[in-house]
């Protein structure tokens, strides 16, 4: 017998699964299950990363804060001190009744320089040789982020600021007192040892 001739079928289409097929649904449900398990694992890992608290902090009391107080100045604090006709060094010592070392970061200096000739007096005060300069390694000159990072790393500073947003951010960090200007003199919050500060 000879070979049987096969006739070609035109427009022949491969058989396809319908989107409502049960096998496809099973695959999707398995994928979702795996993704859900991975999300749970990630959440567990994130929960385990607890930031370490410094040894100097006992609840909200910071034992690292001692009489030669270290004060970090913010840009607007210097401006407000000028408006209220206060000498930063003298007023800080009157508030804390102790010796103070005042620090100014490079970011604060850069911000004052950017403000232009209107704030030249503030810049002149910031360049006072009694104030110590703190170098900054990060990019940009946004002083708020710089101060918050510095204070979280080293809890030995008092932050001097009149900025509401910065105060709100610092209040979330335990053991960091805030110095501000009220009633034409310096006041401090979250520092029970400041006997010269006005009682609120």
C-alpha atoms as a PDB file:
ATOM      1  CA  UNK A   1       0.000   0.000   0.000  1.00  0.00           C
ATOM      2  CA  UNK A   2       1.170   3.511  -0.749  1.00  0.00           C
ATOM      3  CA  UNK A   3       1.445   6.421   1.625  1.00  0.00           C
ATOM      4  CA  UNK A   4      -1.778   8.135   2.424  1.00  0.00           C
ATOM      5  CA  UNK A   5      -1.787  11.828   1.439  1.00  0.00           C
ATOM      6  CA  UNK A   6      -2.434  14.255   4.281  1.00  0.00           C
ATOM      7  CA  UNK A   7      -4.461  17.262   3.445  1.00  0.00           C
ATOM      8  CA  UNK A   8      -3.392  20.521   5.190  1.00  0.00           C
ATOM      9  CA  UNK A   9      -6.044  22.085   7.331  1.00  0.00           C
ATOM     10  CA  UNK A  10      -6.093  25.866   6.940  1.00  0.00           C
ATOM     11  CA  UNK A  11      -6.640  28.298   9.818  1.00  0.00           C
ATOM     12  CA  UNK A  12      -5.963  25.610  12.381  1.00  0.00           C
ATOM     13  CA  UNK A  13      -5.623  27.086  15.895  1.00  0.00           C
ATOM     14  CA  UNK A  14      -3.937  25.535  18.925  1.00  0.00           C
ATOM     15  CA  UNK A  15      -6.234  24.616  21.753  1.00  0.00           C
ATOM     16  CA  UNK A  16      -6.102  27.266  24.499  1.00  0.00           C
ATOM     17  CA  UNK A  17      -7.206  27.257  28.095  1.00  0.00           C
ATOM     18  CA  UNK A  18     -10.151  29.456  28.848  1.00  0.00           C
ATOM     19  CA  UNK A  19      -9.459  32.184  31.453  1.00  0.00           C
ATOM     20  CA  UNK A  20     -12.079  30.580  33.707  1.00  0.00           C
ATOM     21  CA  UNK A  21     -10.272  27.248  33.765  1.00  0.00           C
ATOM     22  CA  UNK A  22      -9.808  25.724  37.225  1.00  0.00           C
ATOM     23  CA  UNK A  23      -6.098  24.968  36.662  1.00  0.00           C
ATOM     24  CA  UNK A  24      -5.296  28.666  36.145  1.00  0.00           C
ATOM     25  CA  UNK A  25      -7.169  29.607  39.310  1.00  0.00           C
ATOM     26  CA  UNK A  26      -5.152  27.085  41.324  1.00  0.00           C
ATOM     27  CA  UNK A  27      -1.870  28.571  40.027  1.00  0.00           C
ATOM     28  CA  UNK A  28      -2.930  32.118  40.970  1.00  0.00           C
ATOM     29  CA  UNK A  29      -4.046  31.082  44.458  1.00  0.00           C
ATOM     30  CA  UNK A  30      -0.671  29.317  45.019  1.00  0.00           C
ATOM     31  CA  UNK A  31       1.204  32.491  43.942  1.00  0.00           C
ATOM     32  CA  UNK A  32      -0.863  34.651  46.301  1.00  0.00           C
ATOM     33  CA  UNK A  33      -0.185  32.233  49.156  1.00  0.00           C
ATOM     34  CA  UNK A  34       3.589  32.430  48.581  1.00  0.00           C
ATOM     35  CA  UNK A  35       3.486  36.254  48.407  1.00  0.00           C
ATOM     36  CA  UNK A  36       1.473  36.404  51.641  1.00  0.00           C
ATOM     37  CA  UNK A  37       4.043  34.220  53.416  1.00  0.00           C
ATOM     38  CA  UNK A  38       6.914  36.425  52.147  1.00  0.00           C
ATOM     39  CA  UNK A  39       5.130  39.584  53.382  1.00  0.00           C
ATOM     40  CA  UNK A  40       4.658  38.036  56.833  1.00  0.00           C
ATOM     41  CA  UNK A  41       8.387  37.157  56.960  1.00  0.00           C
ATOM     42  CA  UNK A  42       9.360  40.721  55.992  1.00  0.00           C
ATOM     43  CA  UNK A  43       7.107  42.174  58.693  1.00  0.00           C
ATOM     44  CA  UNK A  44       8.665  39.847  61.281  1.00  0.00           C
ATOM     45  CA  UNK A  45      12.183  40.918  60.221  1.00  0.00           C
ATOM     46  CA  UNK A  46      11.223  44.609  60.376  1.00  0.00           C
ATOM     47  CA  UNK A  47       9.735  44.190  63.861  1.00  0.00           C
ATOM     48  CA  UNK A  48      12.958  42.621  65.130  1.00  0.00           C
ATOM     49  CA  UNK A  49      15.026  45.709  64.194  1.00  0.00           C
ATOM     50  CA  UNK A  50      14.645  47.688  67.410  1.00  0.00           C
ATOM     51  CA  UNK A  51      16.858  50.794  67.724  1.00  0.00           C
ATOM     52  CA  UNK A  52      19.307  50.450  70.623  1.00  0.00           C
ATOM     53  CA  UNK A  53      18.884  53.003  73.393  1.00  0.00           C
ATOM     54  CA  UNK A  54      21.992  54.613  74.917  1.00  0.00           C
ATOM     55  CA  UNK A  55      23.161  53.377  78.307  1.00  0.00           C
ATOM     56  CA  UNK A  56      22.991  56.911  79.743  1.00  0.00           C
ATOM     57  CA  UNK A  57      19.176  57.024  79.472  1.00  0.00           C
ATOM     58  CA  UNK A  58      17.049  55.791  82.347  1.00  0.00           C
ATOM     59  CA  UNK A  59      13.440  56.025  81.120  1.00  0.00           C
ATOM     60  CA  UNK A  60      13.307  59.658  79.925  1.00  0.00           C
ATOM     61  CA  UNK A  61      16.085  60.862  82.280  1.00  0.00           C
ATOM     62  CA  UNK A  62      19.430  61.379  80.574  1.00  0.00           C
ATOM     63  CA  UNK A  63      22.404  60.983  82.921  1.00  0.00           C
ATOM     64  CA  UNK A  64      24.859  62.100  80.191  1.00  0.00           C
ATOM     65  CA  UNK A  65      23.751  65.717  80.653  1.00  0.00           C
ATOM     66  CA  UNK A  66      26.105  67.280  83.162  1.00  0.00           C
ATOM     67  CA  UNK A  67      27.072  70.816  84.227  1.00  0.00           C
ATOM     68  CA  UNK A  68      29.376  71.743  81.374  1.00  0.00           C
ATOM     69  CA  UNK A  69      26.252  71.654  79.163  1.00  0.00           C
ATOM     70  CA  UNK A  70      26.652  71.275  75.393  1.00  0.00           C
ATOM     71  CA  UNK A  71      24.137  73.416  73.493  1.00  0.00           C
ATOM     72  CA  UNK A  72      23.469  73.017  69.751  1.00  0.00           C
ATOM     73  CA  UNK A  73      22.189  76.251  68.190  1.00  0.00           C
ATOM     74  CA  UNK A  74      19.621  76.420  65.395  1.00  0.00           C
ATOM     75  CA  UNK A  75      19.470  79.241  62.815  1.00  0.00           C
ATOM     76  CA  UNK A  76      16.251  80.874  64.039  1.00  0.00           C
ATOM     77  CA  UNK A  77      17.358  80.741  67.699  1.00  0.00           C
ATOM     78  CA  UNK A  78      20.167  83.217  66.974  1.00  0.00           C
ATOM     79  CA  UNK A  79      17.717  85.522  65.134  1.00  0.00           C
ATOM     80  CA  UNK A  80      15.207  85.410  68.010  1.00  0.00           C
ATOM     81  CA  UNK A  81      18.005  86.086  70.538  1.00  0.00           C
ATOM     82  CA  UNK A  82      18.919  89.238  68.579  1.00  0.00           C
ATOM     83  CA  UNK A  83      15.247  90.340  68.454  1.00  0.00           C
ATOM     84  CA  UNK A  84      14.955  89.906  72.232  1.00  0.00           C
ATOM     85  CA  UNK A  85      18.356  91.638  72.778  1.00  0.00           C
ATOM     86  CA  UNK A  86      19.879  88.647  74.559  1.00  0.00           C
ATOM     87  CA  UNK A  87      23.518  87.590  74.658  1.00  0.00           C
ATOM     88  CA  UNK A  88      23.382  83.854  73.804  1.00  0.00           C
ATOM     89  CA  UNK A  89      26.229  82.798  76.124  1.00  0.00           C
ATOM     90  CA  UNK A  90      25.163  84.873  79.141  1.00  0.00           C
ATOM     91  CA  UNK A  91      21.434  84.058  78.824  1.00  0.00           C
ATOM     92  CA  UNK A  92      22.178  80.311  78.490  1.00  0.00           C
ATOM     93  CA  UNK A  93      24.329  80.376  81.635  1.00  0.00           C
ATOM     94  CA  UNK A  94      21.615  82.306  83.519  1.00  0.00           C
ATOM     95  CA  UNK A  95      19.031  79.715  82.454  1.00  0.00           C
ATOM     96  CA  UNK A  96      21.071  76.640  83.413  1.00  0.00           C
ATOM     97  CA  UNK A  97      23.090  78.176  86.299  1.00  0.00           C
ATOM     98  CA  UNK A  98      26.144  76.326  85.009  1.00  0.00           C
ATOM     99  CA  UNK A  99      28.944  76.532  82.462  1.00  0.00           C
ATOM    100  CA  UNK A 100      27.823  76.085  78.836  1.00  0.00           C
ATOM    101  CA  UNK A 101      29.664  75.183  75.653  1.00  0.00           C
ATOM    102  CA  UNK A 102      27.813  76.402  72.576  1.00  0.00           C
ATOM    103  CA  UNK A 103      28.186  74.533  69.290  1.00  0.00           C
ATOM    104  CA  UNK A 104      27.285  75.675  65.777  1.00  0.00           C
ATOM    105  CA  UNK A 105      27.224  73.166  62.917  1.00  0.00           C
ATOM    106  CA  UNK A 106      28.383  73.950  59.379  1.00  0.00           C
ATOM    107  CA  UNK A 107      24.771  73.652  58.167  1.00  0.00           C
ATOM    108  CA  UNK A 108      23.591  76.442  60.475  1.00  0.00           C
ATOM    109  CA  UNK A 109      26.446  78.663  59.278  1.00  0.00           C
ATOM    110  CA  UNK A 110      25.583  77.888  55.647  1.00  0.00           C
ATOM    111  CA  UNK A 111      21.906  78.732  56.274  1.00  0.00           C
ATOM    112  CA  UNK A 112      22.873  82.071  57.877  1.00  0.00           C
ATOM    113  CA  UNK A 113      25.158  82.873  54.938  1.00  0.00           C
ATOM    114  CA  UNK A 114      22.332  82.059  52.497  1.00  0.00           C
ATOM    115  CA  UNK A 115      19.952  84.455  54.261  1.00  0.00           C
ATOM    116  CA  UNK A 116      21.966  87.377  52.910  1.00  0.00           C
ATOM    117  CA  UNK A 117      22.939  90.833  54.226  1.00  0.00           C
ATOM    118  CA  UNK A 118      19.718  91.241  56.250  1.00  0.00           C
ATOM    119  CA  UNK A 119      21.000  88.657  58.766  1.00  0.00           C
ATOM    120  CA  UNK A 120      24.650  89.802  58.871  1.00  0.00           C
ATOM    121  CA  UNK A 121      24.431  90.495  62.638  1.00  0.00           C
ATOM    122  CA  UNK A 122      23.302  86.905  63.272  1.00  0.00           C
ATOM    123  CA  UNK A 123      26.219  85.679  61.154  1.00  0.00           C
ATOM    124  CA  UNK A 124      28.634  87.903  63.098  1.00  0.00           C
ATOM    125  CA  UNK A 125      27.332  86.450  66.405  1.00  0.00           C
ATOM    126  CA  UNK A 126      27.600  82.890  65.034  1.00  0.00           C
ATOM    127  CA  UNK A 127      31.274  83.524  64.208  1.00  0.00           C
ATOM    128  CA  UNK A 128      31.968  84.380  67.859  1.00  0.00           C
ATOM    129  CA  UNK A 129      35.261  82.686  68.920  1.00  0.00           C
ATOM    130  CA  UNK A 130      33.583  81.418  72.134  1.00  0.00           C
ATOM    131  CA  UNK A 131      31.308  79.184  70.031  1.00  0.00           C
ATOM    132  CA  UNK A 132      32.709  75.876  68.802  1.00  0.00           C
ATOM    133  CA  UNK A 133      32.194  74.735  65.219  1.00  0.00           C
ATOM    134  CA  UNK A 134      30.977  71.208  64.393  1.00  0.00           C
ATOM    135  CA  UNK A 135      31.903  69.907  60.925  1.00  0.00           C
ATOM    136  CA  UNK A 136      29.207  68.156  58.840  1.00  0.00           C
ATOM    137  CA  UNK A 137      29.945  65.166  56.579  1.00  0.00           C
ATOM    138  CA  UNK A 138      26.530  64.886  54.881  1.00  0.00           C
ATOM    139  CA  UNK A 139      25.336  66.482  51.617  1.00  0.00           C
ATOM    140  CA  UNK A 140      23.145  69.579  51.564  1.00  0.00           C
ATOM    141  CA  UNK A 141      22.726  72.365  54.113  1.00  0.00           C
ATOM    142  CA  UNK A 142      19.354  71.575  55.730  1.00  0.00           C
ATOM    143  CA  UNK A 143      20.102  72.246  59.402  1.00  0.00           C
ATOM    144  CA  UNK A 144      17.002  70.545  60.898  1.00  0.00           C
ATOM    145  CA  UNK A 145      17.927  67.075  59.588  1.00  0.00           C
ATOM    146  CA  UNK A 146      21.547  67.619  60.595  1.00  0.00           C
ATOM    147  CA  UNK A 147      20.615  68.558  64.193  1.00  0.00           C
ATOM    148  CA  UNK A 148      18.153  65.651  64.556  1.00  0.00           C
ATOM    149  CA  UNK A 149      20.738  63.120  63.262  1.00  0.00           C
ATOM    150  CA  UNK A 150      23.463  64.495  65.523  1.00  0.00           C
ATOM    151  CA  UNK A 151      21.196  64.432  68.581  1.00  0.00           C
ATOM    152  CA  UNK A 152      20.044  60.852  67.901  1.00  0.00           C
ATOM    153  CA  UNK A 153      23.646  59.651  67.624  1.00  0.00           C
ATOM    154  CA  UNK A 154      24.975  61.559  70.672  1.00  0.00           C
ATOM    155  CA  UNK A 155      22.449  62.245  73.444  1.00  0.00           C
ATOM    156  CA  UNK A 156      24.710  64.723  75.251  1.00  0.00           C
ATOM    157  CA  UNK A 157      23.353  67.879  73.595  1.00  0.00           C
ATOM    158  CA  UNK A 158      20.646  70.416  74.429  1.00  0.00           C
ATOM    159  CA  UNK A 159      19.016  71.716  71.234  1.00  0.00           C
ATOM    160  CA  UNK A 160      18.341  75.477  71.194  1.00  0.00           C
ATOM    161  CA  UNK A 161      15.529  76.243  68.733  1.00  0.00           C
ATOM    162  CA  UNK A 162      12.318  78.225  68.327  1.00  0.00           C
ATOM    163  CA  UNK A 163      11.123  76.216  65.306  1.00  0.00           C
ATOM    164  CA  UNK A 164       7.858  74.345  66.023  1.00  0.00           C
ATOM    165  CA  UNK A 165       8.506  71.551  63.502  1.00  0.00           C
ATOM    166  CA  UNK A 166      12.007  70.890  64.810  1.00  0.00           C
ATOM    167  CA  UNK A 167      10.718  70.914  68.418  1.00  0.00           C
ATOM    168  CA  UNK A 168       8.090  68.328  67.445  1.00  0.00           C
ATOM    169  CA  UNK A 169      10.752  66.108  65.874  1.00  0.00           C
ATOM    170  CA  UNK A 170      13.104  66.390  68.871  1.00  0.00           C
ATOM    171  CA  UNK A 171      10.341  65.622  71.393  1.00  0.00           C
ATOM    172  CA  UNK A 172      10.108  62.147  69.804  1.00  0.00           C
ATOM    173  CA  UNK A 173      13.745  61.481  70.793  1.00  0.00           C
ATOM    174  CA  UNK A 174      13.918  60.575  74.508  1.00  0.00           C
ATOM    175  CA  UNK A 175      16.407  62.349  76.786  1.00  0.00           C
ATOM    176  CA  UNK A 176      17.035  65.441  74.622  1.00  0.00           C
ATOM    177  CA  UNK A 177      16.110  68.785  76.263  1.00  0.00           C
ATOM    178  CA  UNK A 178      14.964  71.752  74.167  1.00  0.00           C
ATOM    179  CA  UNK A 179      15.980  75.347  74.872  1.00  0.00           C
ATOM    180  CA  UNK A 180      13.693  78.095  73.574  1.00  0.00           C
ATOM    181  CA  UNK A 181      12.977  81.801  74.158  1.00  0.00           C
ATOM    182  CA  UNK A 182       9.946  82.797  76.235  1.00  0.00           C
ATOM    183  CA  UNK A 183       9.158  86.115  77.946  1.00  0.00           C
ATOM    184  CA  UNK A 184      12.458  87.723  76.825  1.00  0.00           C
ATOM    185  CA  UNK A 185      14.648  85.031  78.411  1.00  0.00           C
ATOM    186  CA  UNK A 186      15.823  81.499  77.723  1.00  0.00           C
ATOM    187  CA  UNK A 187      13.715  78.644  78.994  1.00  0.00           C
ATOM    188  CA  UNK A 188      14.199  74.902  78.809  1.00  0.00           C
ATOM    189  CA  UNK A 189      11.925  71.876  78.665  1.00  0.00           C
ATOM    190  CA  UNK A 190      12.627  68.264  79.653  1.00  0.00           C
ATOM    191  CA  UNK A 191      15.533  69.156  81.959  1.00  0.00           C
ATOM    192  CA  UNK A 192      14.673  69.024  85.678  1.00  0.00           C
ATOM    193  CA  UNK A 193      18.173  70.207  86.713  1.00  0.00           C
ATOM    194  CA  UNK A 194      17.765  73.643  85.081  1.00  0.00           C
ATOM    195  CA  UNK A 195      17.086  75.669  88.232  1.00  0.00           C
ATOM    196  CA  UNK A 196      17.524  79.040  86.540  1.00  0.00           C
ATOM    197  CA  UNK A 197      14.774  78.359  83.970  1.00  0.00           C
ATOM    198  CA  UNK A 198      11.334  79.862  84.646  1.00  0.00           C
ATOM    199  CA  UNK A 199       8.924  77.317  86.111  1.00  0.00           C
ATOM    200  CA  UNK A 200       5.918  76.544  83.900  1.00  0.00           C
END
